[in-house]
Amino acid sequence: MIPGGPELIVILGIAVLLFGANKIPELARSVGQATGEIKKGRKEAEKELDEIKGE
């Protein structure tokens, strides 16, 4: 379940209170980088599986 508009606003408000407005961009950047690494690892694993199946 992905939170809708009002829920997302509440979550963002709590995040600002917990971490401060200055830390939010840094946290978002870290989450983006982690997501990119996960996708990269998944693609590499799929590529290796395809190579194993092809042999």
N, C-alpha and C. Protein backbone atom coordinates (compact mmCIF):
# COMPACT_ATOMS: atom_id res chain seq x y z
N MET A 1 0.83 -1.19 0.00
CA MET A 1 0.00 0.00 0.00
C MET A 1 0.87 1.25 0.00
N ILE A 2 0.63 2.10 -0.93
CA ILE A 2 1.34 3.37 -1.01
C ILE A 2 0.44 4.44 -0.40
N PRO A 3 0.98 5.25 0.51
CA PRO A 3 0.15 6.27 1.13
C PRO A 3 -0.32 7.31 0.13
N GLY A 4 -1.55 7.79 0.33
CA GLY A 4 -2.13 8.80 -0.54
C GLY A 4 -1.69 10.20 -0.14
N GLY A 5 -2.37 11.20 -0.65
CA GLY A 5 -2.01 12.60 -0.42
C GLY A 5 -1.95 13.01 1.04
N PRO A 6 -3.05 12.91 1.78
CA PRO A 6 -3.02 13.36 3.18
C PRO A 6 -2.03 12.55 4.04
N GLU A 7 -1.96 11.25 3.81
CA GLU A 7 -1.03 10.43 4.59
C GLU A 7 0.41 10.81 4.29
N LEU A 8 0.68 11.09 3.02
CA LEU A 8 2.04 11.46 2.63
C LEU A 8 2.46 12.78 3.28
N ILE A 9 1.54 13.72 3.35
CA ILE A 9 1.83 15.01 3.99
C ILE A 9 2.14 14.82 5.46
N VAL A 10 1.38 13.97 6.13
CA VAL A 10 1.63 13.70 7.55
C VAL A 10 3.00 13.04 7.73
N ILE A 11 3.32 12.07 6.88
CA ILE A 11 4.62 11.39 6.97
C ILE A 11 5.76 12.38 6.74
N LEU A 12 5.63 13.24 5.75
CA LEU A 12 6.67 14.24 5.49
C LEU A 12 6.80 15.22 6.65
N GLY A 13 5.68 15.60 7.25
CA GLY A 13 5.72 16.49 8.41
C GLY A 13 6.45 15.86 9.58
N ILE A 14 6.19 14.59 9.83
CA ILE A 14 6.88 13.89 10.91
C ILE A 14 8.37 13.78 10.60
N ALA A 15 8.72 13.51 9.35
CA ALA A 15 10.12 13.41 8.97
C ALA A 15 10.84 14.73 9.20
N VAL A 16 10.20 15.84 8.87
CA VAL A 16 10.81 17.15 9.09
C VAL A 16 11.02 17.40 10.58
N LEU A 17 10.04 17.02 11.39
CA LEU A 17 10.18 17.19 12.83
C LEU A 17 11.30 16.33 13.40
N LEU A 18 11.43 15.10 12.91
CA LEU A 18 12.44 14.20 13.44
C LEU A 18 13.85 14.54 12.98
N PHE A 19 14.01 14.84 11.71
CA PHE A 19 15.34 15.00 11.14
C PHE A 19 15.73 16.46 10.88
N GLY A 20 14.78 17.34 10.83
CA GLY A 20 15.07 18.74 10.51
C GLY A 20 15.03 18.94 9.00
N ALA A 21 14.70 20.15 8.60
CA ALA A 21 14.53 20.45 7.18
C ALA A 21 15.84 20.31 6.40
N ASN A 22 16.98 20.52 7.05
CA ASN A 22 18.25 20.45 6.34
C ASN A 22 18.65 19.03 6.00
N LYS A 23 18.20 18.05 6.75
CA LYS A 23 18.60 16.66 6.54
C LYS A 23 17.73 15.94 5.50
N ILE A 24 16.56 16.45 5.22
CA ILE A 24 15.63 15.76 4.31
C ILE A 24 16.24 15.55 2.91
N PRO A 25 16.84 16.56 2.28
CA PRO A 25 17.44 16.31 0.95
C PRO A 25 18.55 15.26 1.00
N GLU A 26 19.34 15.29 2.07
CA GLU A 26 20.41 14.31 2.22
C GLU A 26 19.84 12.90 2.36
N LEU A 27 18.79 12.76 3.13
CA LEU A 27 18.14 11.45 3.30
C LEU A 27 17.54 10.97 1.98
N ALA A 28 16.90 11.88 1.26
CA ALA A 28 16.30 11.51 -0.03
C ALA A 28 17.38 11.07 -1.02
N ARG A 29 18.50 11.75 -1.01
CA ARG A 29 19.61 11.39 -1.90
C ARG A 29 20.14 10.00 -1.55
N SER A 30 20.27 9.72 -0.27
CA SER A 30 20.76 8.41 0.17
C SER A 30 19.80 7.30 -0.24
N VAL A 31 18.51 7.55 -0.08
CA VAL A 31 17.52 6.56 -0.48
C VAL A 31 17.57 6.32 -1.99
N GLY A 32 17.74 7.38 -2.76
CA GLY A 32 17.85 7.25 -4.21
C GLY A 32 19.07 6.45 -4.62
N GLN A 33 20.19 6.70 -3.97
CA GLN A 33 21.41 5.95 -4.28
C GLN A 33 21.25 4.48 -3.92
N ALA A 34 20.64 4.22 -2.78
CA ALA A 34 20.43 2.82 -2.36
C ALA A 34 19.52 2.10 -3.34
N THR A 35 18.48 2.79 -3.79
CA THR A 35 17.56 2.19 -4.76
C THR A 35 18.29 1.88 -6.06
N GLY A 36 19.14 2.79 -6.50
CA GLY A 36 19.92 2.57 -7.72
C GLY A 36 20.85 1.37 -7.58
N GLU A 37 21.49 1.22 -6.43
CA GLU A 37 22.38 0.09 -6.21
C GLU A 37 21.61 -1.23 -6.20
N ILE A 38 20.42 -1.22 -5.62
CA ILE A 38 19.60 -2.43 -5.60
C ILE A 38 19.20 -2.82 -7.02
N LYS A 39 18.78 -1.85 -7.81
CA LYS A 39 18.41 -2.14 -9.20
C LYS A 39 19.61 -2.66 -9.99
N LYS A 40 20.78 -2.06 -9.76
CA LYS A 40 21.99 -2.48 -10.46
C LYS A 40 22.34 -3.92 -10.09
N GLY A 41 22.27 -4.24 -8.81
CA GLY A 41 22.56 -5.60 -8.36
C GLY A 41 21.56 -6.61 -8.92
N ARG A 42 20.31 -6.21 -9.00
CA ARG A 42 19.28 -7.10 -9.55
C ARG A 42 19.55 -7.38 -11.03
N LYS A 43 19.91 -6.35 -11.77
CA LYS A 43 20.20 -6.54 -13.19
C LYS A 43 21.41 -7.45 -13.39
N GLU A 44 22.43 -7.27 -12.55
CA GLU A 44 23.62 -8.11 -12.65
C GLU A 44 23.29 -9.57 -12.34
N ALA A 45 22.46 -9.78 -11.32
CA ALA A 45 22.07 -11.14 -10.95
C ALA A 45 21.25 -11.78 -12.07
N GLU A 46 20.34 -11.02 -12.67
CA GLU A 46 19.54 -11.55 -13.77
C GLU A 46 20.44 -11.90 -14.97
N LYS A 47 21.43 -11.05 -15.22
CA LYS A 47 22.36 -11.29 -16.33
C LYS A 47 23.15 -12.58 -16.10
N GLU A 48 23.61 -12.77 -14.86
CA GLU A 48 24.36 -13.99 -14.54
C GLU A 48 23.48 -15.22 -14.67
N LEU A 49 22.22 -15.13 -14.23
CA LEU A 49 21.30 -16.26 -14.37
C LEU A 49 21.05 -16.59 -15.83
N ASP A 50 20.91 -15.57 -16.66
CA ASP A 50 20.71 -15.78 -18.08
C ASP A 50 21.93 -16.47 -18.71
N GLU A 51 23.13 -16.07 -18.27
CA GLU A 51 24.35 -16.68 -18.80
C GLU A 51 24.43 -18.15 -18.39
N ILE A 52 24.03 -18.43 -17.16
CA ILE A 52 24.06 -19.82 -16.68
C ILE A 52 23.06 -20.66 -17.46
N LYS A 53 21.88 -20.13 -17.72
CA LYS A 53 20.87 -20.87 -18.47
C LYS A 53 21.30 -21.11 -19.92
N GLY A 54 22.06 -20.16 -20.48
CA GLY A 54 22.49 -20.27 -21.87
C GLY A 54 23.59 -21.26 -22.09
N GLU A 55 24.31 -21.62 -21.04
CA GLU A 55 25.44 -22.52 -21.22
C GLU A 55 25.05 -23.94 -21.37
